[in-house]
Amino acid sequence: MDFLKDLIKFMGQRKKFFLIPVIIVLLLLGLLIVIGGGSALAPFIYTLF
């Protein structure tokens, strides 16, 4: 959690708000892989990549 707090502080101080969509997409892809890794949807998720 400290990493996320530091990242938010960095973006606020340096005005790097364009990084927000990139981080959101990376988090969603990571969540999709973690959730889909152990389910019946795994073969369909892996075909996306």
PDB file of N, CA and C in Angstrom:
ATOM      1  N   MET A   1       0.810  -1.192   0.000  1.00  0.00           N
ATOM      2  CA  MET A   1       0.000   0.000   0.000  1.00  0.00           C
ATOM      3  C   MET A   1       0.859   1.265   0.000  1.00  0.00           C
ATOM      4  N   ASP A   2       2.035   1.190   0.587  1.00  0.00           N
ATOM      5  CA  ASP A   2       2.913   2.361   0.600  1.00  0.00           C
ATOM      6  C   ASP A   2       3.324   2.748  -0.816  1.00  0.00           C
ATOM      7  N   PHE A   3       3.488   1.739  -1.670  1.00  0.00           N
ATOM      8  CA  PHE A   3       3.863   2.019  -3.053  1.00  0.00           C
ATOM      9  C   PHE A   3       2.775   2.835  -3.752  1.00  0.00           C
ATOM     10  N   LEU A   4       1.529   2.459  -3.542  1.00  0.00           N
ATOM     11  CA  LEU A   4       0.422   3.189  -4.179  1.00  0.00           C
ATOM     12  C   LEU A   4       0.321   4.611  -3.648  1.00  0.00           C
ATOM     13  N   LYS A   5       0.533   4.785  -2.343  1.00  0.00           N
ATOM     14  CA  LYS A   5       0.499   6.127  -1.766  1.00  0.00           C
ATOM     15  C   LYS A   5       1.617   6.991  -2.339  1.00  0.00           C
ATOM     16  N   ASP A   6       2.804   6.422  -2.457  1.00  0.00           N
ATOM     17  CA  ASP A   6       3.922   7.163  -3.030  1.00  0.00           C
ATOM     18  C   ASP A   6       3.674   7.500  -4.499  1.00  0.00           C
ATOM     19  N   LEU A   7       3.079   6.581  -5.218  1.00  0.00           N
ATOM     20  CA  LEU A   7       2.783   6.817  -6.629  1.00  0.00           C
ATOM     21  C   LEU A   7       1.768   7.948  -6.796  1.00  0.00           C
ATOM     22  N   ILE A   8       0.751   7.969  -5.948  1.00  0.00           N
ATOM     23  CA  ILE A   8      -0.257   9.032  -6.013  1.00  0.00           C
ATOM     24  C   ILE A   8       0.366  10.378  -5.642  1.00  0.00           C
ATOM     25  N   LYS A   9       1.227  10.391  -4.628  1.00  0.00           N
ATOM     26  CA  LYS A   9       1.906  11.627  -4.257  1.00  0.00           C
ATOM     27  C   LYS A   9       2.786  12.127  -5.393  1.00  0.00           C
ATOM     28  N   PHE A  10       3.505  11.206  -6.032  1.00  0.00           N
ATOM     29  CA  PHE A  10       4.375  11.567  -7.151  1.00  0.00           C
ATOM     30  C   PHE A  10       3.578  12.204  -8.283  1.00  0.00           C
ATOM     31  N   MET A  11       2.446  11.569  -8.630  1.00  0.00           N
ATOM     32  CA  MET A  11       1.632  12.090  -9.725  1.00  0.00           C
ATOM     33  C   MET A  11       1.048  13.458  -9.372  1.00  0.00           C
ATOM     34  N   GLY A  12       0.706  13.666  -8.122  1.00  0.00           N
ATOM     35  CA  GLY A  12       0.154  14.951  -7.701  1.00  0.00           C
ATOM     36  C   GLY A  12       1.183  16.064  -7.707  1.00  0.00           C
ATOM     37  N   GLN A  13       2.386  15.769  -7.239  1.00  0.00           N
ATOM     38  CA  GLN A  13       3.420  16.787  -7.148  1.00  0.00           C
ATOM     39  C   GLN A  13       4.012  17.120  -8.505  1.00  0.00           C
ATOM     40  N   ARG A  14       4.203  16.115  -9.333  1.00  0.00           N
ATOM     41  CA  ARG A  14       4.859  16.328 -10.628  1.00  0.00           C
ATOM     42  C   ARG A  14       3.881  16.579 -11.776  1.00  0.00           C
ATOM     43  N   LYS A  15       2.592  16.600 -11.470  1.00  0.00           N
ATOM     44  CA  LYS A  15       1.544  16.833 -12.470  1.00  0.00           C
ATOM     45  C   LYS A  15       1.611  15.801 -13.601  1.00  0.00           C
ATOM     46  N   LYS A  16       1.771  14.555 -13.244  1.00  0.00           N
ATOM     47  CA  LYS A  16       1.840  13.454 -14.215  1.00  0.00           C
ATOM     48  C   LYS A  16       0.503  12.724 -14.274  1.00  0.00           C
ATOM     49  N   PHE A  17      -0.569  13.463 -14.488  1.00  0.00           N
ATOM     50  CA  PHE A  17      -1.905  12.876 -14.453  1.00  0.00           C
ATOM     51  C   PHE A  17      -2.185  11.975 -15.645  1.00  0.00           C
ATOM     52  N   PHE A  18      -1.375  12.070 -16.707  1.00  0.00           N
ATOM     53  CA  PHE A  18      -1.566  11.201 -17.854  1.00  0.00           C
ATOM     54  C   PHE A  18      -1.227   9.742 -17.528  1.00  0.00           C
ATOM     55  N   LEU A  19      -0.586   9.496 -16.410  1.00  0.00           N
ATOM     56  CA  LEU A  19      -0.244   8.127 -16.009  1.00  0.00           C
ATOM     57  C   LEU A  19      -1.425   7.378 -15.407  1.00  0.00           C
ATOM     58  N   ILE A  20      -2.459   8.093 -14.995  1.00  0.00           N
ATOM     59  CA  ILE A  20      -3.600   7.461 -14.329  1.00  0.00           C
ATOM     60  C   ILE A  20      -4.277   6.412 -15.217  1.00  0.00           C
ATOM     61  N   PRO A  21      -4.585   6.705 -16.495  1.00  0.00           N
ATOM     62  CA  PRO A  21      -5.213   5.662 -17.320  1.00  0.00           C
ATOM     63  C   PRO A  21      -4.306   4.451 -17.547  1.00  0.00           C
ATOM     64  N   VAL A  22      -3.026   4.678 -17.659  1.00  0.00           N
ATOM     65  CA  VAL A  22      -2.086   3.570 -17.859  1.00  0.00           C
ATOM     66  C   VAL A  22      -2.092   2.655 -16.644  1.00  0.00           C
ATOM     67  N   ILE A  23      -2.070   3.229 -15.460  1.00  0.00           N
ATOM     68  CA  ILE A  23      -2.057   2.439 -14.231  1.00  0.00           C
ATOM     69  C   ILE A  23      -3.369   1.676 -14.078  1.00  0.00           C
ATOM     70  N   ILE A  24      -4.476   2.313 -14.407  1.00  0.00           N
ATOM     71  CA  ILE A  24      -5.779   1.641 -14.296  1.00  0.00           C
ATOM     72  C   ILE A  24      -5.855   0.445 -15.234  1.00  0.00           C
ATOM     73  N   VAL A  25      -5.385   0.613 -16.471  1.00  0.00           N
ATOM     74  CA  VAL A  25      -5.409  -0.496 -17.431  1.00  0.00           C
ATOM     75  C   VAL A  25      -4.523  -1.638 -16.956  1.00  0.00           C
ATOM     76  N   LEU A  26      -3.350  -1.327 -16.448  1.00  0.00           N
ATOM     77  CA  LEU A  26      -2.456  -2.376 -15.951  1.00  0.00           C
ATOM     78  C   LEU A  26      -3.067  -3.114 -14.762  1.00  0.00           C
ATOM     79  N   LEU A  27      -3.717  -2.395 -13.864  1.00  0.00           N
ATOM     80  CA  LEU A  27      -4.364  -3.037 -12.722  1.00  0.00           C
ATOM     81  C   LEU A  27      -5.516  -3.939 -13.166  1.00  0.00           C
ATOM     82  N   LEU A  28      -6.299  -3.484 -14.142  1.00  0.00           N
ATOM     83  CA  LEU A  28      -7.411  -4.298 -14.634  1.00  0.00           C
ATOM     84  C   LEU A  28      -6.911  -5.560 -15.337  1.00  0.00           C
ATOM     85  N   LEU A  29      -5.854  -5.445 -16.119  1.00  0.00           N
ATOM     86  CA  LEU A  29      -5.297  -6.628 -16.779  1.00  0.00           C
ATOM     87  C   LEU A  29      -4.737  -7.618 -15.761  1.00  0.00           C
ATOM     88  N   GLY A  30      -4.068  -7.102 -14.747  1.00  0.00           N
ATOM     89  CA  GLY A  30      -3.553  -7.973 -13.692  1.00  0.00           C
ATOM     90  C   GLY A  30      -4.663  -8.667 -12.938  1.00  0.00           C
ATOM     91  N   LEU A  31      -5.722  -7.940 -12.643  1.00  0.00           N
ATOM     92  CA  LEU A  31      -6.871  -8.523 -11.957  1.00  0.00           C
ATOM     93  C   LEU A  31      -7.542  -9.589 -12.817  1.00  0.00           C
ATOM     94  N   LEU A  32      -7.655  -9.331 -14.095  1.00  0.00           N
ATOM     95  CA  LEU A  32      -8.251 -10.293 -15.020  1.00  0.00           C
ATOM     96  C   LEU A  32      -7.450 -11.581 -15.063  1.00  0.00           C
ATOM     97  N   ILE A  33      -6.148 -11.469 -15.075  1.00  0.00           N
ATOM     98  CA  ILE A  33      -5.296 -12.665 -15.118  1.00  0.00           C
ATOM     99  C   ILE A  33      -5.379 -13.434 -13.807  1.00  0.00           C
ATOM    100  N   VAL A  34      -5.386 -12.738 -12.675  1.00  0.00           N
ATOM    101  CA  VAL A  34      -5.450 -13.409 -11.376  1.00  0.00           C
ATOM    102  C   VAL A  34      -6.785 -14.123 -11.190  1.00  0.00           C
ATOM    103  N   ILE A  35      -7.865 -13.441 -11.520  1.00  0.00           N
ATOM    104  CA  ILE A  35      -9.193 -14.035 -11.350  1.00  0.00           C
ATOM    105  C   ILE A  35      -9.412 -15.163 -12.355  1.00  0.00           C
ATOM    106  N   GLY A  36      -9.013 -14.944 -13.575  1.00  0.00           N
ATOM    107  CA  GLY A  36      -9.266 -15.932 -14.618  1.00  0.00           C
ATOM    108  C   GLY A  36      -8.306 -17.098 -14.617  1.00  0.00           C
ATOM    109  N   GLY A  37      -7.224 -17.015 -13.880  1.00  0.00           N
ATOM    110  CA  GLY A  37      -6.222 -18.079 -13.863  1.00  0.00           C
ATOM    111  C   GLY A  37      -6.732 -19.390 -13.305  1.00  0.00           C
ATOM    112  N   GLY A  38      -7.632 -19.327 -12.356  1.00  0.00           N
ATOM    113  CA  GLY A  38      -8.100 -20.541 -11.719  1.00  0.00           C
ATOM    114  C   GLY A  38      -9.548 -20.868 -12.027  1.00  0.00           C
ATOM    115  N   SER A  39     -10.099 -20.264 -13.038  1.00  0.00           N
ATOM    116  CA  SER A  39     -11.511 -20.500 -13.315  1.00  0.00           C
ATOM    117  C   SER A  39     -11.699 -21.185 -14.664  1.00  0.00           C
ATOM    118  N   ALA A  40     -12.938 -21.455 -14.986  1.00  0.00           N
ATOM    119  CA  ALA A  40     -13.262 -22.091 -16.263  1.00  0.00           C
ATOM    120  C   ALA A  40     -13.138 -21.110 -17.419  1.00  0.00           C
ATOM    121  N   LEU A  41     -13.019 -19.830 -17.111  1.00  0.00           N
ATOM    122  CA  LEU A  41     -12.882 -18.822 -18.161  1.00  0.00           C
ATOM    123  C   LEU A  41     -11.448 -18.653 -18.651  1.00  0.00           C
ATOM    124  N   ALA A  42     -10.509 -19.334 -18.037  1.00  0.00           N
ATOM    125  CA  ALA A  42      -9.096 -19.169 -18.369  1.00  0.00           C
ATOM    126  C   ALA A  42      -8.799 -19.359 -19.848  1.00  0.00           C
ATOM    127  N   PRO A  43      -9.299 -20.389 -20.522  1.00  0.00           N
ATOM    128  CA  PRO A  43      -8.973 -20.536 -21.955  1.00  0.00           C
ATOM    129  C   PRO A  43      -9.462 -19.361 -22.801  1.00  0.00           C
ATOM    130  N   PHE A  44     -10.571 -18.761 -22.422  1.00  0.00           N
ATOM    131  CA  PHE A  44     -11.090 -17.637 -23.192  1.00  0.00           C
ATOM    132  C   PHE A  44     -10.296 -16.371 -22.931  1.00  0.00           C
ATOM    133  N   ILE A  45      -9.821 -16.210 -21.709  1.00  0.00           N
ATOM    134  CA  ILE A  45      -9.024 -15.033 -21.365  1.00  0.00           C
ATOM    135  C   ILE A  45      -7.674 -15.107 -22.052  1.00  0.00           C
ATOM    136  N   TYR A  46      -7.057 -16.269 -22.088  1.00  0.00           N
ATOM    137  CA  TYR A  46      -5.747 -16.397 -22.683  1.00  0.00           C
ATOM    138  C   TYR A  46      -5.781 -16.184 -24.189  1.00  0.00           C
ATOM    139  N   THR A  47      -6.915 -16.395 -24.831  1.00  0.00           N
ATOM    140  CA  THR A  47      -6.974 -16.129 -26.266  1.00  0.00           C
ATOM    141  C   THR A  47      -6.952 -14.632 -26.563  1.00  0.00           C
ATOM    142  N   LEU A  48      -7.260 -13.785 -25.571  1.00  0.00           N
ATOM    143  CA  LEU A  48      -7.182 -12.349 -25.772  1.00  0.00           C
ATOM    144  C   LEU A  48      -5.741 -11.884 -25.911  1.00  0.00           C
ATOM    145  N   PHE A  49      -4.816 -12.616 -25.336  1.00  0.00           N
ATOM    146  CA  PHE A  49      -3.417 -12.216 -25.379  1.00  0.00           C
ATOM    147  C   PHE A  49      -2.690 -13.033 -26.402  1.00  0.00           C
TER     148      PHE A  49
END
